[in-house]
Amino acid sequence: MNPGEIAGLIAAGAFLMLVLVLAVPILKLGRTVDAATRAINDVVDHTGPLLTNVNTTVENVNTALGQVQVSLDGVNVQLAKVDTMTEHAQNVTANVANLVTVVSAAAANPLVKVASFGYGLRKAASARRHAEEDREVRAALKQRRRAGR
């Protein structure tokens, strides 16, 4: 064997070693790609039913929102009725207040007159009593002065 053939054999052996050393990571990389492919396929398989469940949930939410809208419409109708009843109660209250004012004015006028008459009688009786007392005192003073002269 000549030196060229030996060098060729060494080069071929080195190339074989390089291929063997590179083959291990390439095989591991292949397994990793296979595992990633399986994971992606599992995600795709599970995403379909999940999206179906999401669609069902959205439809149920839309149905519930429709029912809420119907309920709100009913509440608005009832509130309109309550507004009408409140307006009527306000009118009745105003009418009762006016009636109370009229009745109190009609009843208060004679009561004021009776109270004034009673006050006047008391004042007159008191003034008369005081006048009689004053006359008696003056008469007593005159008698004392006459007796003292």
C-alpha atoms as a PDB file:
ATOM      1  CA  MET A   1       0.000   0.000   0.000  1.00  0.00           C
ATOM      2  CA  ASN A   2       1.367   3.201  -0.893  1.00  0.00           C
ATOM      3  CA  PRO A   3       1.115   6.364   1.166  1.00  0.00           C
ATOM      4  CA  GLY A   4      -1.735   7.752  -0.986  1.00  0.00           C
ATOM      5  CA  GLU A   5      -3.919   4.754  -0.312  1.00  0.00           C
ATOM      6  CA  ILE A   6      -3.186   4.899   3.424  1.00  0.00           C
ATOM      7  CA  ALA A   7      -4.099   8.568   3.465  1.00  0.00           C
ATOM      8  CA  GLY A   8      -7.294   7.724   1.573  1.00  0.00           C
ATOM      9  CA  LEU A   9      -8.147   5.028   4.116  1.00  0.00           C
ATOM     10  CA  ILE A  10      -7.476   7.436   7.016  1.00  0.00           C
ATOM     11  CA  ALA A  11      -9.604  10.078   5.339  1.00  0.00           C
ATOM     12  CA  ALA A  12     -12.386   7.534   4.749  1.00  0.00           C
ATOM     13  CA  GLY A  13     -12.179   6.439   8.427  1.00  0.00           C
ATOM     14  CA  ALA A  14     -12.289  10.055   9.603  1.00  0.00           C
ATOM     15  CA  PHE A  15     -15.265  10.730   7.331  1.00  0.00           C
ATOM     16  CA  LEU A  16     -16.990   7.603   8.734  1.00  0.00           C
ATOM     17  CA  MET A  17     -16.366   8.853  12.304  1.00  0.00           C
ATOM     18  CA  LEU A  18     -17.738  12.258  11.358  1.00  0.00           C
ATOM     19  CA  VAL A  19     -20.850  10.650   9.897  1.00  0.00           C
ATOM     20  CA  LEU A  20     -21.315   8.499  13.022  1.00  0.00           C
ATOM     21  CA  VAL A  21     -20.835  11.483  15.350  1.00  0.00           C
ATOM     22  CA  LEU A  22     -23.313  13.575  13.319  1.00  0.00           C
ATOM     23  CA  ALA A  23     -25.791  10.707  12.954  1.00  0.00           C
ATOM     24  CA  VAL A  24     -26.598  10.613  16.709  1.00  0.00           C
ATOM     25  CA  PRO A  25     -27.812  14.268  16.945  1.00  0.00           C
ATOM     26  CA  ILE A  26     -29.610  13.907  13.614  1.00  0.00           C
ATOM     27  CA  LEU A  27     -31.475  10.826  14.916  1.00  0.00           C
ATOM     28  CA  LYS A  28     -32.316  12.649  18.183  1.00  0.00           C
ATOM     29  CA  LEU A  29     -33.492  15.635  16.170  1.00  0.00           C
ATOM     30  CA  GLY A  30     -35.714  13.303  14.129  1.00  0.00           C
ATOM     31  CA  ARG A  31     -37.284  11.935  17.315  1.00  0.00           C
ATOM     32  CA  THR A  32     -37.841  15.479  18.559  1.00  0.00           C
ATOM     33  CA  VAL A  33     -39.539  16.418  15.285  1.00  0.00           C
ATOM     34  CA  ASP A  34     -41.696  13.283  15.532  1.00  0.00           C
ATOM     35  CA  ALA A  35     -42.689  14.156  19.122  1.00  0.00           C
ATOM     36  CA  ALA A  36     -43.520  17.741  18.080  1.00  0.00           C
ATOM     37  CA  THR A  37     -45.599  16.411  15.194  1.00  0.00           C
ATOM     38  CA  ARG A  38     -47.523  14.104  17.565  1.00  0.00           C
ATOM     39  CA  ALA A  39     -48.101  16.986  20.009  1.00  0.00           C
ATOM     40  CA  ILE A  40     -49.394  19.198  17.209  1.00  0.00           C
ATOM     41  CA  ASN A  41     -51.697  16.415  16.013  1.00  0.00           C
ATOM     42  CA  ASP A  42     -53.019  15.963  19.582  1.00  0.00           C
ATOM     43  CA  VAL A  43     -53.661  19.702  19.851  1.00  0.00           C
ATOM     44  CA  VAL A  44     -55.511  19.656  16.519  1.00  0.00           C
ATOM     45  CA  ASP A  45     -57.545  16.621  17.645  1.00  0.00           C
ATOM     46  CA  HIS A  46     -58.528  18.306  20.934  1.00  0.00           C
ATOM     47  CA  THR A  47     -59.097  21.765  19.449  1.00  0.00           C
ATOM     48  CA  GLY A  48     -62.035  20.662  17.302  1.00  0.00           C
ATOM     49  CA  PRO A  49     -64.252  19.506  20.216  1.00  0.00           C
ATOM     50  CA  LEU A  50     -63.067  22.455  22.298  1.00  0.00           C
ATOM     51  CA  LEU A  51     -64.184  24.899  19.611  1.00  0.00           C
ATOM     52  CA  THR A  52     -67.487  23.056  19.351  1.00  0.00           C
ATOM     53  CA  ASN A  53     -67.952  23.484  23.120  1.00  0.00           C
ATOM     54  CA  VAL A  54     -67.064  27.174  22.833  1.00  0.00           C
ATOM     55  CA  ASN A  55     -69.652  27.609  20.073  1.00  0.00           C
ATOM     56  CA  THR A  56     -72.272  25.869  22.221  1.00  0.00           C
ATOM     57  CA  THR A  57     -71.399  28.104  25.169  1.00  0.00           C
ATOM     58  CA  VAL A  58     -71.666  31.228  23.019  1.00  0.00           C
ATOM     59  CA  GLU A  59     -75.063  30.090  21.731  1.00  0.00           C
ATOM     60  CA  ASN A  60     -76.249  29.479  25.318  1.00  0.00           C
ATOM     61  CA  VAL A  61     -75.016  32.922  26.359  1.00  0.00           C
ATOM     62  CA  ASN A  62     -76.860  34.492  23.417  1.00  0.00           C
ATOM     63  CA  THR A  63     -80.030  32.652  24.454  1.00  0.00           C
ATOM     64  CA  ALA A  64     -79.632  33.846  28.052  1.00  0.00           C
ATOM     65  CA  LEU A  65     -79.080  37.423  26.858  1.00  0.00           C
ATOM     66  CA  GLY A  66     -82.263  37.189  24.811  1.00  0.00           C
ATOM     67  CA  GLN A  67     -84.154  36.039  27.903  1.00  0.00           C
ATOM     68  CA  VAL A  68     -82.650  38.891  29.924  1.00  0.00           C
ATOM     69  CA  GLN A  69     -83.792  41.347  27.261  1.00  0.00           C
ATOM     70  CA  VAL A  70     -87.334  39.941  27.460  1.00  0.00           C
ATOM     71  CA  SER A  71     -87.226  40.246  31.259  1.00  0.00           C
ATOM     72  CA  LEU A  72     -86.003  43.850  31.023  1.00  0.00           C
ATOM     73  CA  ASP A  73     -88.809  44.663  28.622  1.00  0.00           C
ATOM     74  CA  GLY A  74     -91.287  43.264  31.163  1.00  0.00           C
ATOM     75  CA  VAL A  75     -89.690  45.288  33.952  1.00  0.00           C
ATOM     76  CA  ASN A  76     -89.912  48.447  31.835  1.00  0.00           C
ATOM     77  CA  VAL A  77     -93.631  47.821  31.263  1.00  0.00           C
ATOM     78  CA  GLN A  78     -94.163  47.381  35.010  1.00  0.00           C
ATOM     79  CA  LEU A  79     -92.148  50.543  35.742  1.00  0.00           C
ATOM     80  CA  ALA A  80     -94.366  52.495  33.353  1.00  0.00           C
ATOM     81  CA  LYS A  81     -97.405  51.265  35.314  1.00  0.00           C
ATOM     82  CA  VAL A  82     -95.755  52.238  38.596  1.00  0.00           C
ATOM     83  CA  ASP A  83     -95.026  55.697  37.164  1.00  0.00           C
ATOM     84  CA  THR A  84     -98.698  56.105  36.324  1.00  0.00           C
ATOM     85  CA  MET A  85     -99.751  54.981  39.809  1.00  0.00           C
ATOM     86  CA  THR A  86     -97.242  57.350  41.385  1.00  0.00           C
ATOM     87  CA  GLU A  87     -98.577  60.239  39.334  1.00  0.00           C
ATOM     88  CA  HIS A  88    -102.146  59.440  40.425  1.00  0.00           C
ATOM     89  CA  ALA A  89    -101.061  59.180  44.082  1.00  0.00           C
ATOM     90  CA  GLN A  90     -99.373  62.566  43.757  1.00  0.00           C
ATOM     91  CA  ASN A  91    -102.600  64.088  42.392  1.00  0.00           C
ATOM     92  CA  VAL A  92    -104.631  62.547  45.240  1.00  0.00           C
ATOM     93  CA  THR A  93    -102.137  63.868  47.796  1.00  0.00           C
ATOM     94  CA  ALA A  94    -102.349  67.373  46.336  1.00  0.00           C
ATOM     95  CA  ASN A  95    -106.165  67.235  46.420  1.00  0.00           C
ATOM     96  CA  VAL A  96    -106.165  66.063  50.061  1.00  0.00           C
ATOM     97  CA  ALA A  97    -103.742  68.853  51.002  1.00  0.00           C
ATOM     98  CA  ASN A  98    -106.018  71.416  49.357  1.00  0.00           C
ATOM     99  CA  LEU A  99    -109.055  69.969  51.151  1.00  0.00           C
ATOM    100  CA  VAL A 100    -107.241  70.099  54.512  1.00  0.00           C
ATOM    101  CA  THR A 101    -106.356  73.748  53.872  1.00  0.00           C
ATOM    102  CA  VAL A 102    -109.988  74.622  53.097  1.00  0.00           C
ATOM    103  CA  VAL A 103    -111.359  72.721  56.115  1.00  0.00           C
ATOM    104  CA  SER A 104    -108.786  74.189  58.509  1.00  0.00           C
ATOM    105  CA  ALA A 105    -109.510  77.700  57.223  1.00  0.00           C
ATOM    106  CA  ALA A 106    -113.257  77.151  57.612  1.00  0.00           C
ATOM    107  CA  ALA A 107    -112.889  75.708  61.120  1.00  0.00           C
ATOM    108  CA  ALA A 108    -110.181  78.095  62.289  1.00  0.00           C
ATOM    109  CA  ASN A 109    -112.105  81.334  61.575  1.00  0.00           C
ATOM    110  CA  PRO A 110    -114.950  80.622  64.043  1.00  0.00           C
ATOM    111  CA  LEU A 111    -112.483  79.241  66.578  1.00  0.00           C
ATOM    112  CA  VAL A 112    -110.454  82.429  66.378  1.00  0.00           C
ATOM    113  CA  LYS A 113    -113.610  84.465  66.906  1.00  0.00           C
ATOM    114  CA  VAL A 114    -114.646  82.373  69.936  1.00  0.00           C
ATOM    115  CA  ALA A 115    -111.125  82.633  71.397  1.00  0.00           C
ATOM    116  CA  SER A 116    -111.100  86.405  70.819  1.00  0.00           C
ATOM    117  CA  PHE A 117    -114.532  86.767  72.441  1.00  0.00           C
ATOM    118  CA  GLY A 118    -113.372  84.716  75.452  1.00  0.00           C
ATOM    119  CA  TYR A 119    -110.240  86.839  75.784  1.00  0.00           C
ATOM    120  CA  GLY A 120    -112.292  90.012  75.582  1.00  0.00           C
ATOM    121  CA  LEU A 121    -114.678  88.771  78.303  1.00  0.00           C
ATOM    122  CA  ARG A 122    -111.756  87.920  80.591  1.00  0.00           C
ATOM    123  CA  LYS A 123    -110.160  91.321  79.971  1.00  0.00           C
ATOM    124  CA  ALA A 124    -113.446  93.123  80.647  1.00  0.00           C
ATOM    125  CA  ALA A 125    -114.111  91.139  83.834  1.00  0.00           C
ATOM    126  CA  SER A 126    -110.576  91.784  85.030  1.00  0.00           C
ATOM    127  CA  ALA A 127    -110.838  95.502  84.252  1.00  0.00           C
ATOM    128  CA  ARG A 128    -114.163  95.681  86.089  1.00  0.00           C
ATOM    129  CA  ARG A 129    -112.702  93.916  89.110  1.00  0.00           C
ATOM    130  CA  HIS A 130    -109.720  96.263  89.134  1.00  0.00           C
ATOM    131  CA  ALA A 131    -112.020  99.290  88.763  1.00  0.00           C
ATOM    132  CA  GLU A 132    -114.088  98.162  91.774  1.00  0.00           C
ATOM    133  CA  GLU A 133    -110.904  97.605  93.810  1.00  0.00           C
ATOM    134  CA  ASP A 134    -109.631 101.052  92.790  1.00  0.00           C
ATOM    135  CA  ARG A 135    -112.921 102.694  93.854  1.00  0.00           C
ATOM    136  CA  GLU A 136    -112.844 100.913  97.197  1.00  0.00           C
ATOM    137  CA  VAL A 137    -109.206 101.974  97.770  1.00  0.00           C
ATOM    138  CA  ARG A 138    -109.964 105.600  96.833  1.00  0.00           C
ATOM    139  CA  ALA A 139    -113.033 105.628  99.037  1.00  0.00           C
ATOM    140  CA  ALA A 140    -110.983 104.257 101.935  1.00  0.00           C
ATOM    141  CA  LEU A 141    -108.282 106.913 101.377  1.00  0.00           C
ATOM    142  CA  LYS A 142    -110.891 109.722 101.296  1.00  0.00           C
ATOM    143  CA  GLN A 143    -112.400 108.484 104.561  1.00  0.00           C
ATOM    144  CA  ARG A 144    -109.001 108.431 106.241  1.00  0.00           C
ATOM    145  CA  ARG A 145    -108.256 111.942 105.052  1.00  0.00           C
ATOM    146  CA  ARG A 146    -111.620 113.200 106.297  1.00  0.00           C
ATOM    147  CA  ALA A 147    -111.170 111.426 109.589  1.00  0.00           C
ATOM    148  CA  GLY A 148    -107.686 112.916 109.934  1.00  0.00           C
ATOM    149  CA  ARG A 149    -108.902 116.557 109.597  1.00  0.00           C
END
